[in-house]
Amino acid sequence: MYPWARQMAALLLWGCMTVAASAQEPKPNEARVREFIAAFNAKDVDGMLTRVTDDIAWFNVSGKTVSVETEGKDALRKGMESYFKSLPSARAELVWVQSSPNRVAALEKASWEGKSGPRAQVSIAIYEFQDGLIKRVHYMPSEK
């Protein structure tokens, strides 16, 4: 083998290992979304609120309509406390996550125990960030 070939092979191997390692490590905003969902699953409203801006806005998108679900930390707190009280078995799972510098898109699977047994649905959510905190969440219509 030529000396330069060994160096090239070593460089290619190092490059592949670096790409594989970086692909496995979540980006900061992706990690923030995962932490937010973990706090949701733990019913830790305070933990959720530490990951959002003071003026957090939560939007529901349906066709041509965008409605404001909650606006501000106090409204998010009240909404989550009410939600967990009415649906204590609620859980969320991130099926996949993709990100750009200021947004994270995620396919979320929600599950809960309904009157007739286990229920589940999926929805795409877009999380927007400001200074490392979630500033806006856009929720698309759910699908079964």
N, C-alpha and C. Protein backbone atom coordinates (compact mmCIF):
# COMPACT_ATOMS: atom_id res chain seq x y z
N MET A 1 0.85 -1.17 0.00
CA MET A 1 0.00 0.00 0.00
C MET A 1 0.90 1.24 0.00
N TYR A 2 0.52 2.22 -0.76
CA TYR A 2 1.27 3.47 -0.83
C TYR A 2 1.12 4.23 0.50
N PRO A 3 2.17 4.91 0.98
CA PRO A 3 2.08 5.66 2.24
C PRO A 3 0.92 6.66 2.24
N TRP A 4 0.71 7.34 1.13
CA TRP A 4 -0.37 8.33 1.09
C TRP A 4 -1.73 7.65 1.18
N ALA A 5 -1.83 6.40 0.73
CA ALA A 5 -3.10 5.67 0.76
C ALA A 5 -3.50 5.36 2.20
N ARG A 6 -2.50 5.03 3.03
CA ARG A 6 -2.80 4.79 4.45
C ARG A 6 -3.30 6.07 5.11
N GLN A 7 -2.64 7.15 4.80
CA GLN A 7 -3.05 8.44 5.38
C GLN A 7 -4.46 8.80 4.91
N MET A 8 -4.74 8.60 3.64
CA MET A 8 -6.06 8.91 3.09
C MET A 8 -7.12 8.01 3.73
N ALA A 9 -6.82 6.72 3.88
CA ALA A 9 -7.77 5.79 4.50
C ALA A 9 -8.03 6.18 5.95
N ALA A 10 -6.97 6.55 6.66
CA ALA A 10 -7.13 6.97 8.06
C ALA A 10 -7.96 8.25 8.14
N LEU A 11 -7.72 9.18 7.24
CA LEU A 11 -8.47 10.42 7.22
C LEU A 11 -9.95 10.17 6.90
N LEU A 12 -10.21 9.30 5.93
CA LEU A 12 -11.60 8.95 5.60
C LEU A 12 -12.29 8.26 6.76
N LEU A 13 -11.61 7.35 7.43
CA LEU A 13 -12.18 6.65 8.58
C LEU A 13 -12.49 7.64 9.69
N TRP A 14 -11.55 8.55 9.97
CA TRP A 14 -11.77 9.56 11.00
C TRP A 14 -12.97 10.43 10.65
N GLY A 15 -13.07 10.82 9.37
CA GLY A 15 -14.19 11.65 8.93
C GLY A 15 -15.52 10.93 9.10
N CYS A 16 -15.57 9.66 8.76
CA CYS A 16 -16.80 8.88 8.90
C CYS A 16 -17.19 8.73 10.37
N MET A 17 -16.19 8.50 11.22
CA MET A 17 -16.47 8.37 12.66
C MET A 17 -16.97 9.69 13.22
N THR A 18 -16.42 10.81 12.78
CA THR A 18 -16.86 12.13 13.25
C THR A 18 -18.29 12.41 12.82
N VAL A 19 -18.62 12.11 11.56
CA VAL A 19 -19.98 12.32 11.07
C VAL A 19 -20.95 11.43 11.83
N ALA A 20 -20.60 10.16 12.03
CA ALA A 20 -21.48 9.24 12.76
C ALA A 20 -21.69 9.71 14.18
N ALA A 21 -20.64 10.17 14.85
CA ALA A 21 -20.77 10.64 16.24
C ALA A 21 -21.63 11.89 16.29
N SER A 22 -21.43 12.83 15.36
CA SER A 22 -22.22 14.05 15.39
C SER A 22 -23.67 13.78 15.04
N ALA A 23 -23.94 12.76 14.22
CA ALA A 23 -25.31 12.42 13.88
C ALA A 23 -26.05 11.84 15.08
N GLN A 24 -25.32 11.23 16.00
CA GLN A 24 -25.94 10.63 17.17
C GLN A 24 -26.18 11.64 18.29
N GLU A 25 -25.41 12.71 18.34
CA GLU A 25 -25.55 13.71 19.39
C GLU A 25 -26.63 14.69 18.98
N PRO A 26 -27.67 14.86 19.82
CA PRO A 26 -28.71 15.81 19.44
C PRO A 26 -28.17 17.24 19.46
N LYS A 27 -28.65 18.05 18.54
CA LYS A 27 -28.30 19.45 18.51
C LYS A 27 -28.95 20.12 19.71
N PRO A 28 -28.44 21.28 20.15
CA PRO A 28 -28.98 21.92 21.36
C PRO A 28 -30.50 22.12 21.34
N ASN A 29 -31.05 22.59 20.23
CA ASN A 29 -32.50 22.81 20.19
C ASN A 29 -33.28 21.50 20.19
N GLU A 30 -32.72 20.48 19.53
CA GLU A 30 -33.36 19.16 19.58
C GLU A 30 -33.35 18.63 21.00
N ALA A 31 -32.23 18.81 21.70
CA ALA A 31 -32.14 18.36 23.10
C ALA A 31 -33.16 19.10 23.94
N ARG A 32 -33.36 20.39 23.68
CA ARG A 32 -34.34 21.17 24.44
C ARG A 32 -35.75 20.62 24.23
N VAL A 33 -36.09 20.25 23.00
CA VAL A 33 -37.41 19.67 22.73
C VAL A 33 -37.55 18.33 23.45
N ARG A 34 -36.51 17.51 23.43
CA ARG A 34 -36.55 16.22 24.13
C ARG A 34 -36.73 16.43 25.64
N GLU A 35 -36.06 17.43 26.20
CA GLU A 35 -36.22 17.75 27.62
C GLU A 35 -37.64 18.22 27.92
N PHE A 36 -38.19 19.03 27.02
CA PHE A 36 -39.55 19.53 27.17
C PHE A 36 -40.55 18.37 27.18
N ILE A 37 -40.37 17.42 26.26
CA ILE A 37 -41.27 16.26 26.19
C ILE A 37 -41.08 15.37 27.42
N ALA A 38 -39.84 15.22 27.89
CA ALA A 38 -39.60 14.43 29.11
C ALA A 38 -40.30 15.07 30.30
N ALA A 39 -40.25 16.40 30.40
CA ALA A 39 -40.96 17.10 31.48
C ALA A 39 -42.46 16.91 31.34
N PHE A 40 -42.96 16.95 30.10
CA PHE A 40 -44.39 16.70 29.84
C PHE A 40 -44.77 15.32 30.36
N ASN A 41 -43.98 14.30 30.01
CA ASN A 41 -44.29 12.93 30.42
C ASN A 41 -44.21 12.76 31.93
N ALA A 42 -43.39 13.55 32.59
CA ALA A 42 -43.27 13.50 34.06
C ALA A 42 -44.34 14.37 34.73
N LYS A 43 -45.17 15.04 33.93
CA LYS A 43 -46.19 15.99 34.43
C LYS A 43 -45.52 17.09 35.23
N ASP A 44 -44.31 17.46 34.83
CA ASP A 44 -43.49 18.49 35.49
C ASP A 44 -43.69 19.82 34.78
N VAL A 45 -44.73 20.54 35.14
CA VAL A 45 -45.05 21.80 34.48
C VAL A 45 -43.92 22.81 34.68
N ASP A 46 -43.35 22.88 35.88
CA ASP A 46 -42.23 23.79 36.11
C ASP A 46 -41.06 23.45 35.20
N GLY A 47 -40.79 22.17 35.01
CA GLY A 47 -39.72 21.73 34.12
C GLY A 47 -40.00 22.13 32.68
N MET A 48 -41.25 22.08 32.28
CA MET A 48 -41.62 22.53 30.94
C MET A 48 -41.38 24.03 30.80
N LEU A 49 -41.77 24.78 31.82
CA LEU A 49 -41.69 26.24 31.75
C LEU A 49 -40.25 26.75 31.75
N THR A 50 -39.32 25.99 32.31
CA THR A 50 -37.92 26.45 32.29
C THR A 50 -37.34 26.38 30.89
N ARG A 51 -38.02 25.75 29.97
CA ARG A 51 -37.52 25.56 28.62
C ARG A 51 -38.20 26.47 27.59
N VAL A 52 -39.02 27.41 28.07
CA VAL A 52 -39.74 28.30 27.17
C VAL A 52 -39.48 29.76 27.54
N THR A 53 -39.71 30.66 26.56
CA THR A 53 -39.59 32.09 26.82
C THR A 53 -40.80 32.57 27.62
N ASP A 54 -40.69 33.74 28.21
CA ASP A 54 -41.80 34.31 28.98
C ASP A 54 -43.03 34.54 28.10
N ASP A 55 -42.79 34.86 26.82
CA ASP A 55 -43.90 35.14 25.91
C ASP A 55 -44.20 33.96 24.98
N ILE A 56 -43.99 32.76 25.47
CA ILE A 56 -44.28 31.55 24.69
C ILE A 56 -45.68 31.65 24.07
N ALA A 57 -45.78 31.23 22.81
CA ALA A 57 -47.08 31.19 22.14
C ALA A 57 -47.25 29.80 21.55
N TRP A 58 -48.42 29.22 21.77
CA TRP A 58 -48.75 27.87 21.30
C TRP A 58 -49.90 27.99 20.32
N PHE A 59 -49.67 27.57 19.07
CA PHE A 59 -50.66 27.72 18.02
C PHE A 59 -51.14 26.36 17.54
N ASN A 60 -52.43 26.29 17.23
CA ASN A 60 -52.99 25.12 16.56
C ASN A 60 -53.27 25.51 15.12
N VAL A 61 -52.78 24.71 14.19
CA VAL A 61 -52.95 24.97 12.77
C VAL A 61 -53.96 23.96 12.24
N SER A 62 -54.98 24.46 11.56
CA SER A 62 -55.99 23.59 10.99
C SER A 62 -56.46 24.19 9.67
N GLY A 63 -56.02 23.60 8.57
CA GLY A 63 -56.38 24.12 7.25
C GLY A 63 -55.87 25.54 7.09
N LYS A 64 -56.79 26.47 6.81
CA LYS A 64 -56.43 27.88 6.64
C LYS A 64 -56.46 28.65 7.95
N THR A 65 -56.76 27.99 9.05
CA THR A 65 -56.92 28.66 10.32
C THR A 65 -55.77 28.36 11.27
N VAL A 66 -55.29 29.42 11.91
CA VAL A 66 -54.30 29.28 12.97
C VAL A 66 -54.91 29.93 14.21
N SER A 67 -55.05 29.15 15.27
CA SER A 67 -55.62 29.70 16.50
C SER A 67 -54.59 29.65 17.62
N VAL A 68 -54.68 30.60 18.52
CA VAL A 68 -53.78 30.67 19.66
C VAL A 68 -54.34 29.79 20.77
N GLU A 69 -53.58 28.77 21.15
CA GLU A 69 -53.98 27.88 22.25
C GLU A 69 -53.64 28.53 23.58
N THR A 70 -52.41 28.98 23.72
CA THR A 70 -51.98 29.70 24.92
C THR A 70 -50.96 30.75 24.52
N GLU A 71 -50.86 31.78 25.35
CA GLU A 71 -49.89 32.84 25.12
C GLU A 71 -49.34 33.28 26.47
N GLY A 72 -48.03 33.10 26.66
CA GLY A 72 -47.37 33.46 27.90
C GLY A 72 -47.23 32.26 28.84
N LYS A 73 -46.24 32.37 29.73
CA LYS A 73 -45.96 31.25 30.65
C LYS A 73 -47.13 30.96 31.58
N ASP A 74 -47.80 32.00 32.08
CA ASP A 74 -48.92 31.75 33.00
C ASP A 74 -50.03 30.97 32.32
N ALA A 75 -50.33 31.34 31.08
CA ALA A 75 -51.38 30.62 30.33
C ALA A 75 -50.95 29.19 30.04
N LEU A 76 -49.66 29.00 29.71
CA LEU A 76 -49.18 27.63 29.46
C LEU A 76 -49.27 26.80 30.73
N ARG A 77 -48.89 27.39 31.87
CA ARG A 77 -48.99 26.68 33.15
C ARG A 77 -50.43 26.24 33.40
N LYS A 78 -51.37 27.17 33.30
CA LYS A 78 -52.78 26.85 33.56
C LYS A 78 -53.29 25.79 32.59
N GLY A 79 -52.91 25.93 31.31
CA GLY A 79 -53.35 24.96 30.31
C GLY A 79 -52.81 23.56 30.58
N MET A 80 -51.54 23.46 30.93
CA MET A 80 -50.93 22.15 31.19
C MET A 80 -51.48 21.53 32.48
N GLU A 81 -51.64 22.33 33.52
CA GLU A 81 -52.20 21.80 34.77
C GLU A 81 -53.61 21.27 34.55
N SER A 82 -54.41 22.01 33.80
CA SER A 82 -55.77 21.57 33.48
C SER A 82 -55.75 20.30 32.62
N TYR A 83 -54.86 20.28 31.64
CA TYR A 83 -54.75 19.13 30.74
C TYR A 83 -54.36 17.87 31.52
N PHE A 84 -53.35 17.97 32.37
CA PHE A 84 -52.91 16.81 33.14
C PHE A 84 -53.97 16.35 34.14
N LYS A 85 -54.74 17.29 34.66
CA LYS A 85 -55.82 16.93 35.59
C LYS A 85 -56.92 16.16 34.86
N SER A 86 -57.23 16.59 33.63
CA SER A 86 -58.30 15.92 32.88
C SER A 86 -57.83 14.65 32.18
N LEU A 87 -56.52 14.53 31.93
CA LEU A 87 -56.00 13.39 31.19
C LEU A 87 -54.67 12.93 31.82
N PRO A 88 -54.72 12.37 33.02
CA PRO A 88 -53.48 12.03 33.74
C PRO A 88 -52.63 10.95 33.07
N SER A 89 -53.20 10.18 32.17
CA SER A 89 -52.42 9.12 31.52
C SER A 89 -51.71 9.61 30.25
N ALA A 90 -51.83 10.89 29.92
CA ALA A 90 -51.25 11.42 28.68
C ALA A 90 -49.74 11.26 28.66
N ARG A 91 -49.24 10.83 27.50
CA ARG A 91 -47.80 10.69 27.26
C ARG A 91 -47.51 11.12 25.84
N ALA A 92 -46.28 11.52 25.61
CA ALA A 92 -45.86 11.89 24.26
C ALA A 92 -44.55 11.18 23.94
N GLU A 93 -44.42 10.84 22.67
CA GLU A 93 -43.21 10.18 22.19
C GLU A 93 -42.77 10.90 20.91
N LEU A 94 -41.49 11.16 20.80
CA LEU A 94 -40.96 11.77 19.58
C LEU A 94 -40.60 10.65 18.61
N VAL A 95 -41.37 10.53 17.54
CA VAL A 95 -41.15 9.48 16.55
C VAL A 95 -39.92 9.83 15.71
N TRP A 96 -39.84 11.09 15.26
CA TRP A 96 -38.65 11.59 14.58
C TRP A 96 -38.51 13.08 14.85
N VAL A 97 -37.29 13.56 14.71
CA VAL A 97 -36.98 14.97 14.98
C VAL A 97 -35.99 15.44 13.91
N GLN A 98 -36.24 16.59 13.35
CA GLN A 98 -35.34 17.24 12.38
C GLN A 98 -35.21 18.70 12.78
N SER A 99 -34.04 19.30 12.50
CA SER A 99 -33.89 20.69 12.91
C SER A 99 -33.16 21.53 11.90
N SER A 100 -33.43 22.83 11.98
CA SER A 100 -32.69 23.86 11.29
C SER A 100 -32.10 24.72 12.41
N PRO A 101 -31.37 25.77 12.10
CA PRO A 101 -30.75 26.54 13.19
C PRO A 101 -31.74 27.07 14.24
N ASN A 102 -32.95 27.49 13.85
CA ASN A 102 -33.87 28.08 14.82
C ASN A 102 -35.20 27.35 14.98
N ARG A 103 -35.34 26.21 14.33
CA ARG A 103 -36.60 25.46 14.43
C ARG A 103 -36.32 23.97 14.57
N VAL A 104 -37.24 23.29 15.23
CA VAL A 104 -37.21 21.84 15.32
C VAL A 104 -38.58 21.33 14.90
N ALA A 105 -38.59 20.43 13.94
CA ALA A 105 -39.82 19.77 13.51
C ALA A 105 -39.82 18.37 14.11
N ALA A 106 -40.96 17.97 14.63
CA ALA A 106 -41.04 16.65 15.25
C ALA A 106 -42.38 16.00 14.94
N LEU A 107 -42.33 14.70 14.69
CA LEU A 107 -43.55 13.92 14.61
C LEU A 107 -43.76 13.36 16.01
N GLU A 108 -44.83 13.80 16.66
CA GLU A 108 -45.10 13.40 18.03
C GLU A 108 -46.27 12.43 18.07
N LYS A 109 -46.10 11.38 18.83
CA LYS A 109 -47.18 10.42 19.05
C LYS A 109 -47.69 10.62 20.47
N ALA A 110 -48.94 11.00 20.56
CA ALA A 110 -49.58 11.17 21.87
C ALA A 110 -50.38 9.90 22.18
N SER A 111 -50.33 9.47 23.41
CA SER A 111 -51.10 8.30 23.81
C SER A 111 -51.72 8.57 25.18
N TRP A 112 -52.85 7.93 25.43
CA TRP A 112 -53.56 8.09 26.69
C TRP A 112 -54.56 6.96 26.84
N GLU A 113 -55.08 6.84 28.01
CA GLU A 113 -56.08 5.82 28.31
C GLU A 113 -57.46 6.48 28.20
N GLY A 114 -58.24 6.06 27.20
CA GLY A 114 -59.59 6.60 27.01
C GLY A 114 -60.62 5.72 27.70
N LYS A 115 -61.86 6.14 27.64
CA LYS A 115 -62.96 5.38 28.27
C LYS A 115 -63.08 3.99 27.66
N SER A 116 -62.76 3.87 26.36
CA SER A 116 -62.89 2.58 25.69
C SER A 116 -61.54 1.87 25.54
N GLY A 117 -60.51 2.35 26.25
CA GLY A 117 -59.21 1.69 26.18
C GLY A 117 -58.12 2.63 25.69
N PRO A 118 -56.96 2.05 25.34
CA PRO A 118 -55.83 2.88 24.91
C PRO A 118 -56.13 3.64 23.62
N ARG A 119 -55.68 4.89 23.56
CA ARG A 119 -55.87 5.74 22.38
C ARG A 119 -54.52 6.33 22.00
N ALA A 120 -54.38 6.71 20.74
CA ALA A 120 -53.14 7.34 20.27
C ALA A 120 -53.42 8.14 19.01
N GLN A 121 -52.59 9.14 18.79
CA GLN A 121 -52.65 9.93 17.56
C GLN A 121 -51.28 10.55 17.33
N VAL A 122 -51.01 10.95 16.11
CA VAL A 122 -49.74 11.59 15.79
C VAL A 122 -50.01 12.98 15.22
N SER A 123 -49.03 13.85 15.41
CA SER A 123 -49.13 15.20 14.89
C SER A 123 -47.73 15.74 14.66
N ILE A 124 -47.60 16.62 13.70
CA ILE A 124 -46.32 17.29 13.49
C ILE A 124 -46.34 18.59 14.27
N ALA A 125 -45.26 18.85 14.99
CA ALA A 125 -45.10 20.09 15.74
C ALA A 125 -43.84 20.79 15.25
N ILE A 126 -43.92 22.10 15.16
CA ILE A 126 -42.76 22.92 14.82
C ILE A 126 -42.46 23.80 16.03
N TYR A 127 -41.27 23.64 16.58
CA TYR A 127 -40.82 24.44 17.72
C TYR A 127 -39.88 25.51 17.21
N GLU A 128 -40.15 26.77 17.55
CA GLU A 128 -39.26 27.88 17.18
C GLU A 128 -38.51 28.31 18.43
N PHE A 129 -37.25 28.70 18.24
CA PHE A 129 -36.38 29.03 19.36
C PHE A 129 -35.89 30.46 19.34
N GLN A 130 -35.66 30.98 20.54
CA GLN A 130 -35.01 32.28 20.72
C GLN A 130 -34.09 32.15 21.92
N ASP A 131 -32.83 32.42 21.70
CA ASP A 131 -31.82 32.35 22.77
C ASP A 131 -31.85 31.01 23.52
N GLY A 132 -32.04 29.91 22.80
CA GLY A 132 -32.01 28.58 23.39
C GLY A 132 -33.28 28.15 24.10
N LEU A 133 -34.33 28.97 24.00
CA LEU A 133 -35.61 28.63 24.63
C LEU A 133 -36.71 28.53 23.57
N ILE A 134 -37.72 27.73 23.85
CA ILE A 134 -38.85 27.57 22.94
C ILE A 134 -39.70 28.85 23.01
N LYS A 135 -39.86 29.49 21.86
CA LYS A 135 -40.64 30.74 21.80
C LYS A 135 -42.05 30.51 21.24
N ARG A 136 -42.14 29.62 20.25
CA ARG A 136 -43.43 29.32 19.63
C ARG A 136 -43.52 27.83 19.33
N VAL A 137 -44.72 27.31 19.42
CA VAL A 137 -45.00 25.93 19.01
C VAL A 137 -46.19 25.98 18.07
N HIS A 138 -46.02 25.40 16.90
CA HIS A 138 -47.11 25.29 15.92
C HIS A 138 -47.48 23.81 15.84
N TYR A 139 -48.73 23.49 16.18
CA TYR A 139 -49.22 22.11 16.14
C TYR A 139 -50.13 21.91 14.96
N MET A 140 -49.79 20.95 14.11
CA MET A 140 -50.61 20.61 12.96
C MET A 140 -51.75 19.69 13.40
N PRO A 141 -52.78 19.53 12.57
CA PRO A 141 -53.89 18.64 12.93
C PRO A 141 -53.39 17.22 13.20
N SER A 142 -54.01 16.59 14.15
CA SER A 142 -53.60 15.22 14.49
C SER A 142 -54.15 14.22 13.48
N GLU A 143 -53.44 13.10 13.40
CA GLU A 143 -53.83 11.99 12.54
C GLU A 143 -53.83 10.73 13.38
N LYS A 144 -54.66 9.78 13.02
CA LYS A 144 -54.69 8.52 13.77
C LYS A 144 -53.85 7.50 13.09
